[in-house]
C-alpha cells in the first residue's frame, strides 16, 4: 500500500514539474512586419511615437519634443490628402539626413523634401513653419501619386509643374522627383528600417 502511495506521489510530482516547465515558456506573440508600401496614396501604419523614436535613434540632436510634434504633423497632413505618411516620413529622413540637413537646404526653411533645390547652391523653397513645409511635401507627393483634387489649401508653389498622377508608386519618383536613379531604392531602404524598428 505504501509503495502504491509513493508511486502516485511520484506521478503527481512529475505532472506538476511538467506543468511548471510548460507554463514558464515564452508565449509571446510573433508580430509579422507589414509589407513595405509602394503606392504613394494610402494609409500609413507607423504610430507617431514609433516614428519619433526612429528619428531620435538616427539623430538624437533633434530633441524629443520636436520629433514627436513633427511625426504627428506627418500623420495629420498625410491623412488630409490620403497620402501614406510612412512614405512621406521616410522621404523626409532621406532628403534631410534625419533632419541633419547639411546641403543646400537649411533647417530653417522647413523644406523637408528638397523641393526646388536642384544643386549648385540653389536652396529651393522655404516655408514659414514645420506644418506648412510638411503640407507642401504631402501636396507634392499627391500630385505625383494621384489626379484627385487637394483637400487643403495649396501651399506648394511647385504643385502646378507636376503632371498629375505621373508616379503612383515610389519607384516612379526616381528620375522625376529627384535625378538620382537610386532615389526609390533609398526611400525603400529607410521604409524597411522604419518597419523593422516599429514592428
N, C-alpha and C. Protein backbone atom coordinates (compact mmCIF):
# COMPACT_ATOMS: atom_id res chain seq x y z
N UNK A 1 0.83 -1.20 0.00
CA UNK A 1 0.00 0.00 0.00
C UNK A 1 0.88 1.27 0.00
N UNK A 2 1.93 1.27 0.81
CA UNK A 2 2.84 2.43 0.88
C UNK A 2 3.54 2.61 -0.45
N UNK A 3 3.90 1.48 -1.11
CA UNK A 3 4.54 1.56 -2.41
C UNK A 3 3.59 2.19 -3.42
N UNK A 4 2.31 1.88 -3.35
CA UNK A 4 1.30 2.42 -4.25
C UNK A 4 1.13 3.93 -4.04
N UNK A 5 1.11 4.35 -2.77
CA UNK A 5 1.00 5.79 -2.44
C UNK A 5 2.23 6.54 -2.95
N UNK A 6 3.41 5.95 -2.70
CA UNK A 6 4.65 6.57 -3.19
C UNK A 6 4.65 6.69 -4.71
N UNK A 7 4.13 5.68 -5.37
CA UNK A 7 4.07 5.70 -6.83
C UNK A 7 3.18 6.85 -7.31
N UNK A 8 1.99 7.00 -6.68
CA UNK A 8 1.06 8.09 -7.06
C UNK A 8 1.67 9.46 -6.76
N UNK A 9 2.36 9.56 -5.63
CA UNK A 9 3.02 10.82 -5.30
C UNK A 9 4.09 11.17 -6.35
N UNK A 10 4.82 10.14 -6.74
CA UNK A 10 5.85 10.33 -7.76
C UNK A 10 5.23 10.83 -9.07
N UNK A 11 4.12 10.21 -9.47
CA UNK A 11 3.42 10.60 -10.70
C UNK A 11 2.92 12.05 -10.59
N UNK A 12 2.35 12.42 -9.46
CA UNK A 12 1.85 13.78 -9.25
C UNK A 12 2.98 14.80 -9.33
N UNK A 13 4.12 14.47 -8.72
CA UNK A 13 5.28 15.37 -8.76
C UNK A 13 5.76 15.55 -10.20
N UNK A 14 5.80 14.48 -10.98
CA UNK A 14 6.22 14.56 -12.39
C UNK A 14 5.26 15.44 -13.18
N UNK A 15 3.96 15.25 -12.96
CA UNK A 15 2.94 16.06 -13.67
C UNK A 15 3.09 17.53 -13.31
N UNK A 16 3.31 17.83 -12.03
CA UNK A 16 3.50 19.22 -11.60
C UNK A 16 4.75 19.84 -12.22
N UNK A 17 5.81 19.06 -12.28
CA UNK A 17 7.06 19.56 -12.87
C UNK A 17 6.87 19.88 -14.35
N UNK A 18 6.18 19.00 -15.07
CA UNK A 18 5.93 19.23 -16.50
C UNK A 18 5.05 20.46 -16.68
N UNK A 19 4.05 20.58 -15.83
CA UNK A 19 3.13 21.72 -15.89
C UNK A 19 3.87 23.03 -15.65
N UNK A 20 4.75 23.07 -14.67
CA UNK A 20 5.53 24.28 -14.37
C UNK A 20 6.47 24.62 -15.52
N UNK A 21 7.08 23.60 -16.08
CA UNK A 21 8.03 23.82 -17.17
C UNK A 21 7.33 24.43 -18.38
N UNK A 22 6.15 23.93 -18.71
CA UNK A 22 5.44 24.45 -19.89
C UNK A 22 4.85 25.83 -19.63
N UNK A 23 4.50 26.13 -18.38
CA UNK A 23 3.90 27.43 -18.09
C UNK A 23 4.92 28.56 -18.09
N UNK A 24 6.21 28.22 -17.96
CA UNK A 24 7.24 29.27 -17.97
C UNK A 24 7.80 29.52 -19.37
N UNK A 25 7.31 28.80 -20.37
CA UNK A 25 7.78 29.03 -21.73
C UNK A 25 7.35 30.41 -22.22
N UNK A 26 8.08 30.90 -23.18
CA UNK A 26 7.76 32.20 -23.75
C UNK A 26 6.53 32.07 -24.64
N UNK A 27 5.46 32.69 -24.23
CA UNK A 27 4.22 32.64 -25.01
C UNK A 27 3.97 33.96 -25.72
N UNK A 28 5.04 34.71 -25.98
CA UNK A 28 4.87 36.00 -26.66
C UNK A 28 4.36 35.77 -28.08
N UNK A 29 3.60 36.72 -28.56
CA UNK A 29 3.00 36.62 -29.87
C UNK A 29 3.99 37.16 -30.91
N UNK A 30 4.16 36.41 -31.96
CA UNK A 30 5.03 36.85 -33.05
C UNK A 30 4.29 37.88 -33.89
N UNK A 31 4.86 39.07 -34.01
CA UNK A 31 4.24 40.12 -34.80
C UNK A 31 4.93 40.19 -36.15
N UNK A 32 4.16 39.97 -37.19
CA UNK A 32 4.70 40.00 -38.53
C UNK A 32 4.88 41.44 -38.99
N UNK A 33 6.01 41.73 -39.61
CA UNK A 33 6.25 43.07 -40.14
C UNK A 33 5.36 43.25 -41.37
N UNK A 34 4.58 44.33 -41.40
CA UNK A 34 3.73 44.57 -42.58
C UNK A 34 4.55 44.70 -43.85
N UNK A 35 3.90 44.47 -44.96
CA UNK A 35 4.56 44.62 -46.26
C UNK A 35 4.94 46.08 -46.47
N UNK A 36 6.10 46.30 -47.02
CA UNK A 36 6.57 47.66 -47.30
C UNK A 36 5.66 48.28 -48.37
N UNK A 37 5.05 49.42 -48.08
CA UNK A 37 4.14 50.02 -49.06
C UNK A 37 4.89 50.55 -50.28
N UNK A 38 4.24 50.50 -51.42
CA UNK A 38 4.83 51.03 -52.65
C UNK A 38 4.01 52.16 -53.23
N UNK A 39 2.71 52.17 -52.95
CA UNK A 39 1.84 53.21 -53.50
C UNK A 39 1.84 54.45 -52.61
N UNK A 40 2.05 55.60 -53.24
CA UNK A 40 2.11 56.87 -52.51
C UNK A 40 0.79 57.16 -51.81
N UNK A 41 -0.30 56.89 -52.49
CA UNK A 41 -1.62 57.10 -51.91
C UNK A 41 -1.97 55.87 -51.06
N UNK A 42 -2.41 56.12 -49.85
CA UNK A 42 -2.74 55.01 -48.95
C UNK A 42 -2.58 55.43 -47.51
N UNK A 43 -2.74 54.48 -46.64
CA UNK A 43 -2.70 54.76 -45.20
C UNK A 43 -1.42 54.22 -44.58
N UNK A 44 -0.73 55.06 -43.83
CA UNK A 44 0.47 54.60 -43.13
C UNK A 44 0.12 53.74 -41.94
N UNK A 45 1.10 53.00 -41.45
CA UNK A 45 0.87 52.07 -40.34
C UNK A 45 1.65 52.41 -39.07
N UNK A 46 2.68 53.24 -39.19
CA UNK A 46 3.57 53.51 -38.06
C UNK A 46 3.00 54.65 -37.20
N UNK A 47 3.03 54.45 -35.89
CA UNK A 47 2.50 55.45 -34.96
C UNK A 47 3.46 56.63 -34.83
N UNK A 48 2.93 57.74 -34.33
CA UNK A 48 3.76 58.94 -34.12
C UNK A 48 4.89 58.66 -33.14
N UNK A 49 4.61 57.89 -32.10
CA UNK A 49 5.65 57.57 -31.11
C UNK A 49 6.79 56.78 -31.74
N UNK A 50 6.44 55.79 -32.56
CA UNK A 50 7.47 54.97 -33.21
C UNK A 50 8.26 55.78 -34.23
N UNK A 51 7.56 56.64 -34.96
CA UNK A 51 8.25 57.49 -35.93
C UNK A 51 9.25 58.41 -35.24
N UNK A 52 8.81 59.04 -34.14
CA UNK A 52 9.71 59.95 -33.42
C UNK A 52 10.87 59.20 -32.80
N UNK A 53 10.61 58.02 -32.26
CA UNK A 53 11.70 57.21 -31.68
C UNK A 53 12.72 56.82 -32.74
N UNK A 54 12.24 56.48 -33.93
CA UNK A 54 13.11 56.11 -35.05
C UNK A 54 13.97 57.30 -35.46
N UNK A 55 13.34 58.46 -35.53
CA UNK A 55 14.07 59.69 -35.88
C UNK A 55 15.15 59.98 -34.85
N UNK A 56 14.79 59.87 -33.57
CA UNK A 56 15.75 60.15 -32.49
C UNK A 56 16.88 59.12 -32.44
N UNK A 57 16.57 57.88 -32.79
CA UNK A 57 17.62 56.87 -32.82
C UNK A 57 18.68 57.22 -33.87
N UNK A 58 18.23 57.81 -34.97
CA UNK A 58 19.13 58.16 -36.06
C UNK A 58 19.73 59.55 -35.94
N UNK A 59 19.11 60.40 -35.11
CA UNK A 59 19.65 61.73 -34.85
C UNK A 59 19.16 62.23 -33.49
N UNK A 60 19.85 61.88 -32.41
CA UNK A 60 19.42 62.30 -31.07
C UNK A 60 19.37 63.80 -30.87
N UNK A 61 20.07 64.55 -31.70
CA UNK A 61 20.11 66.01 -31.55
C UNK A 61 18.78 66.67 -31.89
N UNK A 62 17.88 65.95 -32.54
CA UNK A 62 16.58 66.52 -32.92
C UNK A 62 15.80 66.98 -31.70
N UNK A 63 15.81 66.18 -30.65
CA UNK A 63 15.04 66.51 -29.44
C UNK A 63 13.67 65.85 -29.47
N UNK A 64 13.27 65.31 -28.34
CA UNK A 64 12.02 64.55 -28.25
C UNK A 64 10.80 65.37 -28.62
N UNK A 65 10.69 66.56 -28.10
CA UNK A 65 9.51 67.40 -28.32
C UNK A 65 9.30 67.69 -29.81
N UNK A 66 10.37 68.08 -30.50
CA UNK A 66 10.26 68.38 -31.93
C UNK A 66 9.98 67.11 -32.72
N UNK A 67 10.63 66.01 -32.36
CA UNK A 67 10.45 64.75 -33.08
C UNK A 67 9.00 64.27 -33.02
N UNK A 68 8.39 64.29 -31.84
CA UNK A 68 7.01 63.81 -31.70
C UNK A 68 6.05 64.78 -32.38
N UNK A 69 6.32 66.07 -32.28
CA UNK A 69 5.47 67.07 -32.94
C UNK A 69 5.50 66.89 -34.45
N UNK A 70 6.68 66.71 -35.02
CA UNK A 70 6.82 66.55 -36.47
C UNK A 70 6.15 65.25 -36.93
N UNK A 71 6.33 64.18 -36.17
CA UNK A 71 5.70 62.90 -36.52
C UNK A 71 4.18 63.04 -36.57
N UNK A 72 3.62 63.73 -35.60
CA UNK A 72 2.16 63.93 -35.56
C UNK A 72 1.69 64.77 -36.76
N UNK A 73 2.48 65.77 -37.11
CA UNK A 73 2.14 66.61 -38.27
C UNK A 73 2.12 65.75 -39.53
N UNK A 74 3.10 64.87 -39.69
CA UNK A 74 3.13 63.99 -40.86
C UNK A 74 1.87 63.13 -40.93
N UNK A 75 1.47 62.57 -39.82
CA UNK A 75 0.27 61.71 -39.82
C UNK A 75 -0.97 62.53 -40.16
N UNK A 76 -1.10 63.70 -39.55
CA UNK A 76 -2.28 64.55 -39.78
C UNK A 76 -2.35 65.04 -41.22
N UNK A 77 -1.26 65.63 -41.70
CA UNK A 77 -1.27 66.22 -43.05
C UNK A 77 -1.44 65.14 -44.13
N UNK A 78 -0.81 64.01 -43.94
CA UNK A 78 -0.95 62.91 -44.91
C UNK A 78 -2.39 62.39 -44.94
N UNK A 79 -3.01 62.30 -43.77
CA UNK A 79 -4.39 61.78 -43.72
C UNK A 79 -5.36 62.74 -44.41
N UNK A 80 -5.09 64.04 -44.36
CA UNK A 80 -5.96 65.02 -45.04
C UNK A 80 -6.01 64.77 -46.55
N UNK A 81 -4.86 64.32 -47.10
CA UNK A 81 -4.77 64.16 -48.55
C UNK A 81 -4.76 62.71 -49.03
N UNK A 82 -4.81 61.77 -48.09
CA UNK A 82 -4.83 60.35 -48.48
C UNK A 82 -3.48 59.81 -48.90
N UNK A 83 -2.41 60.48 -48.45
CA UNK A 83 -1.03 60.05 -48.76
C UNK A 83 -0.52 59.17 -47.62
N UNK A 84 0.26 58.17 -47.96
CA UNK A 84 0.83 57.27 -46.95
C UNK A 84 1.89 58.02 -46.14
N UNK A 85 1.62 58.23 -44.84
CA UNK A 85 2.57 59.00 -44.03
C UNK A 85 3.90 58.28 -43.81
N UNK A 86 3.91 56.97 -43.88
CA UNK A 86 5.17 56.23 -43.72
C UNK A 86 6.14 56.57 -44.86
N UNK A 87 5.58 56.67 -46.08
CA UNK A 87 6.40 57.01 -47.24
C UNK A 87 6.89 58.45 -47.15
N UNK A 88 5.98 59.38 -46.81
CA UNK A 88 6.37 60.79 -46.71
C UNK A 88 7.44 61.00 -45.64
N UNK A 89 7.27 60.34 -44.50
CA UNK A 89 8.22 60.47 -43.40
C UNK A 89 9.58 59.89 -43.79
N UNK A 90 9.58 58.75 -44.45
CA UNK A 90 10.83 58.13 -44.89
C UNK A 90 11.54 58.99 -45.92
N UNK A 91 10.76 59.62 -46.81
CA UNK A 91 11.34 60.52 -47.79
C UNK A 91 12.02 61.70 -47.09
N UNK A 92 11.35 62.23 -46.05
CA UNK A 92 11.95 63.32 -45.28
C UNK A 92 13.26 62.88 -44.64
N UNK A 93 13.28 61.69 -44.08
CA UNK A 93 14.51 61.19 -43.44
C UNK A 93 15.65 61.11 -44.45
N UNK A 94 15.33 60.67 -45.67
CA UNK A 94 16.35 60.59 -46.72
C UNK A 94 16.81 61.99 -47.14
N UNK A 95 15.86 62.84 -47.45
CA UNK A 95 16.18 64.17 -48.01
C UNK A 95 16.96 65.05 -47.03
N UNK A 96 16.64 64.95 -45.76
CA UNK A 96 17.27 65.83 -44.77
C UNK A 96 18.40 65.16 -43.98
N UNK A 97 18.64 63.88 -44.25
CA UNK A 97 19.63 63.16 -43.45
C UNK A 97 19.17 63.07 -42.00
N UNK A 98 17.90 62.70 -41.82
CA UNK A 98 17.30 62.62 -40.49
C UNK A 98 17.40 63.97 -39.76
N UNK A 99 17.04 65.02 -40.52
CA UNK A 99 17.00 66.41 -40.03
C UNK A 99 18.37 66.98 -39.71
N UNK A 100 19.41 66.40 -40.27
CA UNK A 100 20.75 67.00 -40.12
C UNK A 100 20.98 68.09 -41.16
N UNK A 101 20.24 67.98 -42.28
CA UNK A 101 20.39 68.88 -43.42
C UNK A 101 21.85 68.85 -43.86
N UNK A 102 22.54 69.98 -43.94
CA UNK A 102 23.95 69.94 -44.32
C UNK A 102 24.21 70.22 -45.79
N UNK A 103 23.16 70.22 -46.63
CA UNK A 103 23.35 70.54 -48.04
C UNK A 103 22.91 71.95 -48.34
N UNK A 104 22.33 72.15 -49.52
CA UNK A 104 21.87 73.49 -49.92
C UNK A 104 20.65 73.95 -49.11
N UNK A 105 19.81 72.99 -48.70
CA UNK A 105 18.61 73.32 -47.93
C UNK A 105 18.97 73.41 -46.45
N UNK A 106 18.52 74.46 -45.79
CA UNK A 106 18.79 74.67 -44.36
C UNK A 106 17.56 74.32 -43.52
N UNK A 107 17.80 73.98 -42.27
CA UNK A 107 16.72 73.56 -41.36
C UNK A 107 15.63 74.62 -41.25
N UNK A 108 16.02 75.88 -41.22
CA UNK A 108 15.04 76.96 -41.01
C UNK A 108 14.12 77.18 -42.22
N UNK A 109 14.38 76.49 -43.33
CA UNK A 109 13.50 76.60 -44.50
C UNK A 109 12.26 75.71 -44.37
N UNK A 110 12.31 74.73 -43.49
CA UNK A 110 11.21 73.76 -43.33
C UNK A 110 10.83 73.11 -44.66
N UNK A 111 11.83 72.91 -45.48
CA UNK A 111 11.65 72.22 -46.76
C UNK A 111 12.17 70.80 -46.54
N UNK A 112 11.27 69.90 -46.23
CA UNK A 112 11.66 68.56 -45.79
C UNK A 112 11.88 67.57 -46.93
N UNK A 113 11.71 68.03 -48.18
CA UNK A 113 11.86 67.09 -49.28
C UNK A 113 12.66 67.66 -50.44
N UNK A 114 13.46 68.66 -50.16
CA UNK A 114 14.35 69.21 -51.18
C UNK A 114 13.65 69.84 -52.37
N UNK A 115 12.42 70.31 -52.17
CA UNK A 115 11.64 70.86 -53.29
C UNK A 115 12.28 72.15 -53.80
N UNK A 116 12.59 72.14 -55.09
CA UNK A 116 13.21 73.29 -55.73
C UNK A 116 14.71 73.39 -55.56
N UNK A 117 15.29 72.52 -54.76
CA UNK A 117 16.75 72.51 -54.57
C UNK A 117 17.36 71.62 -55.65
N UNK A 118 17.90 72.24 -56.68
CA UNK A 118 18.38 71.49 -57.84
C UNK A 118 19.90 71.38 -57.88
N UNK A 119 20.56 71.79 -56.81
CA UNK A 119 22.01 71.71 -56.76
C UNK A 119 22.66 73.04 -57.12
N UNK A 120 23.96 73.08 -57.01
CA UNK A 120 24.71 74.29 -57.34
C UNK A 120 24.45 75.44 -56.40
N UNK A 121 24.09 75.12 -55.15
CA UNK A 121 23.85 76.15 -54.16
C UNK A 121 22.42 76.68 -54.11
N UNK A 122 21.56 76.16 -55.01
CA UNK A 122 20.15 76.59 -55.02
C UNK A 122 19.43 76.00 -53.81
N UNK A 123 18.95 76.85 -52.87
CA UNK A 123 18.36 76.33 -51.63
C UNK A 123 16.95 75.78 -51.76
N UNK A 124 16.27 76.12 -52.87
CA UNK A 124 14.91 75.62 -53.03
C UNK A 124 13.89 76.44 -52.27
N UNK A 125 12.72 75.84 -52.06
CA UNK A 125 11.60 76.53 -51.43
C UNK A 125 11.79 76.70 -49.93
N UNK A 126 11.16 77.75 -49.39
CA UNK A 126 11.14 77.97 -47.95
C UNK A 126 9.69 78.09 -47.49
N UNK A 127 9.43 77.65 -46.26
CA UNK A 127 8.08 77.69 -45.69
C UNK A 127 8.15 78.30 -44.30
N UNK A 128 7.06 78.89 -43.83
CA UNK A 128 7.12 79.64 -42.57
C UNK A 128 7.19 78.79 -41.30
N UNK A 129 6.78 77.53 -41.39
CA UNK A 129 6.77 76.68 -40.19
C UNK A 129 6.77 75.21 -40.60
N UNK A 130 7.01 74.30 -39.65
CA UNK A 130 7.07 72.87 -40.00
C UNK A 130 5.79 72.34 -40.65
N UNK A 131 4.62 72.73 -40.14
CA UNK A 131 3.37 72.21 -40.71
C UNK A 131 3.21 72.59 -42.18
N UNK A 132 3.52 73.83 -42.50
CA UNK A 132 3.40 74.26 -43.89
C UNK A 132 4.39 73.50 -44.77
N UNK A 133 5.60 73.29 -44.26
CA UNK A 133 6.60 72.53 -45.01
C UNK A 133 6.17 71.10 -45.26
N UNK A 134 5.61 70.45 -44.24
CA UNK A 134 5.12 69.08 -44.40
C UNK A 134 3.95 69.07 -45.37
N UNK A 135 3.03 70.03 -45.22
CA UNK A 135 1.87 70.08 -46.12
C UNK A 135 2.31 70.22 -47.58
N UNK A 136 3.32 71.06 -47.82
CA UNK A 136 3.83 71.24 -49.19
C UNK A 136 4.37 69.92 -49.73
N UNK A 137 5.11 69.20 -48.91
CA UNK A 137 5.65 67.90 -49.34
C UNK A 137 4.53 66.91 -49.63
N UNK A 138 3.53 66.85 -48.75
CA UNK A 138 2.40 65.94 -48.94
C UNK A 138 1.65 66.29 -50.22
N UNK A 139 1.46 67.58 -50.47
CA UNK A 139 0.77 68.01 -51.69
C UNK A 139 1.57 67.62 -52.93
N UNK A 140 2.88 67.73 -52.84
CA UNK A 140 3.73 67.36 -53.98
C UNK A 140 3.65 65.85 -54.22
N UNK A 141 3.66 65.08 -53.15
CA UNK A 141 3.52 63.63 -53.28
C UNK A 141 2.16 63.27 -53.89
N UNK A 142 1.12 63.97 -53.46
CA UNK A 142 -0.20 63.71 -54.02
C UNK A 142 -0.24 64.05 -55.51
N UNK A 143 0.43 65.12 -55.91
CA UNK A 143 0.49 65.48 -57.32
C UNK A 143 1.11 64.35 -58.14
N UNK A 144 2.15 63.73 -57.61
CA UNK A 144 2.79 62.61 -58.30
C UNK A 144 1.92 61.35 -58.27
N UNK A 145 1.28 61.11 -57.14
CA UNK A 145 0.60 59.83 -56.94
C UNK A 145 -0.85 59.77 -57.32
N UNK A 146 -1.48 60.91 -57.64
CA UNK A 146 -2.94 60.92 -57.84
C UNK A 146 -3.36 62.08 -58.73
N UNK A 147 -4.54 61.94 -59.30
CA UNK A 147 -5.13 63.03 -60.06
C UNK A 147 -6.25 63.69 -59.27
N UNK A 148 -6.47 63.25 -58.04
CA UNK A 148 -7.53 63.82 -57.19
C UNK A 148 -7.18 65.24 -56.76
N UNK A 149 -8.22 66.03 -56.53
CA UNK A 149 -8.04 67.41 -56.08
C UNK A 149 -7.51 67.44 -54.65
N UNK A 150 -6.82 68.52 -54.31
CA UNK A 150 -6.35 68.70 -52.94
C UNK A 150 -7.53 68.97 -52.01
N UNK A 151 -7.40 68.51 -50.78
CA UNK A 151 -8.42 68.76 -49.76
C UNK A 151 -8.10 69.98 -48.90
N UNK A 152 -6.83 70.34 -48.85
CA UNK A 152 -6.39 71.51 -48.07
C UNK A 152 -5.95 72.61 -49.03
N UNK A 153 -5.85 73.83 -48.52
CA UNK A 153 -5.44 74.95 -49.37
C UNK A 153 -4.01 74.74 -49.88
N UNK A 154 -3.78 75.11 -51.11
CA UNK A 154 -2.49 74.91 -51.76
C UNK A 154 -1.41 75.81 -51.13
N UNK A 155 -0.32 75.18 -50.70
CA UNK A 155 0.82 75.93 -50.14
C UNK A 155 2.10 75.67 -50.94
N UNK A 156 2.02 74.76 -51.89
CA UNK A 156 3.19 74.33 -52.65
C UNK A 156 3.21 75.02 -54.02
N UNK A 157 4.10 76.00 -54.21
CA UNK A 157 4.13 76.71 -55.49
C UNK A 157 4.59 75.86 -56.67
N UNK A 158 5.18 74.71 -56.40
CA UNK A 158 5.64 73.83 -57.48
C UNK A 158 4.61 72.76 -57.86
N UNK A 159 3.50 72.74 -57.17
CA UNK A 159 2.45 71.75 -57.42
C UNK A 159 2.01 71.75 -58.89
N UNK A 160 1.86 72.93 -59.46
CA UNK A 160 1.34 73.07 -60.83
C UNK A 160 2.30 72.57 -61.90
N UNK A 161 3.57 72.36 -61.52
CA UNK A 161 4.55 71.89 -62.50
C UNK A 161 4.56 70.37 -62.67
N UNK A 162 3.84 69.68 -61.79
CA UNK A 162 3.84 68.22 -61.83
C UNK A 162 2.70 67.72 -62.73
N UNK A 163 3.01 66.81 -63.63
CA UNK A 163 1.96 66.16 -64.40
C UNK A 163 1.23 65.20 -63.48
N UNK A 164 -0.01 65.51 -63.17
CA UNK A 164 -0.76 64.78 -62.15
C UNK A 164 -0.81 63.28 -62.40
N UNK A 165 -0.54 62.52 -61.33
CA UNK A 165 -0.61 61.06 -61.39
C UNK A 165 0.52 60.41 -62.14
N UNK A 166 1.61 61.14 -62.38
CA UNK A 166 2.72 60.61 -63.17
C UNK A 166 3.41 59.42 -62.50
N UNK A 167 3.33 59.35 -61.17
CA UNK A 167 4.03 58.29 -60.44
C UNK A 167 3.21 57.80 -59.25
N UNK A 168 2.35 56.82 -59.46
CA UNK A 168 1.56 56.30 -58.34
C UNK A 168 2.40 55.57 -57.27
N UNK A 169 3.60 55.14 -57.65
CA UNK A 169 4.45 54.37 -56.73
C UNK A 169 5.76 55.10 -56.43
N UNK A 170 6.41 54.63 -55.39
CA UNK A 170 7.73 55.18 -55.00
C UNK A 170 8.71 55.07 -56.16
N UNK A 171 8.65 53.94 -56.87
CA UNK A 171 9.59 53.66 -57.95
C UNK A 171 9.66 54.80 -58.96
N UNK A 172 8.50 55.39 -59.26
CA UNK A 172 8.44 56.45 -60.25
C UNK A 172 9.04 57.78 -59.82
N UNK A 173 9.38 57.91 -58.53
CA UNK A 173 9.99 59.16 -58.05
C UNK A 173 11.45 59.28 -58.49
N UNK A 174 12.06 58.14 -58.80
CA UNK A 174 13.46 58.16 -59.26
C UNK A 174 13.50 58.72 -60.67
N UNK A 175 14.29 59.79 -60.85
CA UNK A 175 14.40 60.41 -62.16
C UNK A 175 13.33 61.45 -62.42
N UNK A 176 12.38 61.61 -61.51
CA UNK A 176 11.33 62.63 -61.66
C UNK A 176 11.42 63.61 -60.49
N UNK A 177 11.09 63.13 -59.30
CA UNK A 177 11.22 64.00 -58.11
C UNK A 177 12.70 64.35 -57.92
N UNK A 178 13.53 63.34 -58.06
CA UNK A 178 14.99 63.52 -57.90
C UNK A 178 15.69 62.91 -59.11
N UNK A 179 16.80 63.50 -59.49
CA UNK A 179 17.57 62.98 -60.63
C UNK A 179 18.21 61.63 -60.31
N UNK A 180 18.42 61.38 -59.04
CA UNK A 180 19.07 60.15 -58.58
C UNK A 180 18.24 58.92 -58.98
N UNK A 181 18.83 58.05 -59.79
CA UNK A 181 18.14 56.84 -60.25
C UNK A 181 17.95 55.82 -59.13
N UNK A 182 18.67 56.01 -58.04
CA UNK A 182 18.54 55.13 -56.88
C UNK A 182 17.62 55.71 -55.80
N UNK A 183 16.94 56.79 -56.14
CA UNK A 183 16.10 57.51 -55.17
C UNK A 183 15.06 56.59 -54.53
N UNK A 184 14.35 55.84 -55.34
CA UNK A 184 13.31 54.93 -54.82
C UNK A 184 13.93 53.83 -53.95
N UNK A 185 15.07 53.33 -54.37
CA UNK A 185 15.77 52.29 -53.61
C UNK A 185 16.13 52.82 -52.22
N UNK A 186 16.57 54.06 -52.17
CA UNK A 186 16.97 54.68 -50.89
C UNK A 186 15.76 54.92 -49.98
N UNK A 187 14.65 55.38 -50.54
CA UNK A 187 13.43 55.55 -49.74
C UNK A 187 12.96 54.20 -49.21
N UNK A 188 12.97 53.20 -50.08
CA UNK A 188 12.56 51.85 -49.66
C UNK A 188 13.44 51.31 -48.54
N UNK A 189 14.72 51.60 -48.61
CA UNK A 189 15.65 51.12 -47.57
C UNK A 189 15.31 51.74 -46.22
N UNK A 190 14.97 53.02 -46.22
CA UNK A 190 14.58 53.68 -44.96
C UNK A 190 13.23 53.16 -44.48
N UNK A 191 12.30 52.96 -45.40
CA UNK A 191 10.99 52.38 -45.05
C UNK A 191 11.16 51.02 -44.39
N UNK A 192 12.04 50.21 -44.95
CA UNK A 192 12.29 48.88 -44.40
C UNK A 192 12.84 48.99 -42.98
N UNK A 193 13.79 49.88 -42.79
CA UNK A 193 14.36 50.10 -41.45
C UNK A 193 13.30 50.60 -40.48
N UNK A 194 12.46 51.52 -40.94
CA UNK A 194 11.38 52.05 -40.10
C UNK A 194 10.43 50.93 -39.67
N UNK A 195 10.05 50.06 -40.60
CA UNK A 195 9.11 48.98 -40.30
C UNK A 195 9.74 47.96 -39.37
N UNK A 196 11.01 47.66 -39.59
CA UNK A 196 11.70 46.72 -38.69
C UNK A 196 11.81 47.29 -37.29
N UNK A 197 11.98 48.59 -37.19
CA UNK A 197 12.05 49.26 -35.89
C UNK A 197 10.69 49.31 -35.22
N UNK A 198 9.66 49.62 -35.98
CA UNK A 198 8.32 49.85 -35.43
C UNK A 198 7.57 48.56 -35.10
N UNK A 199 7.85 47.51 -35.85
CA UNK A 199 7.09 46.28 -35.67
C UNK A 199 7.98 45.12 -35.25
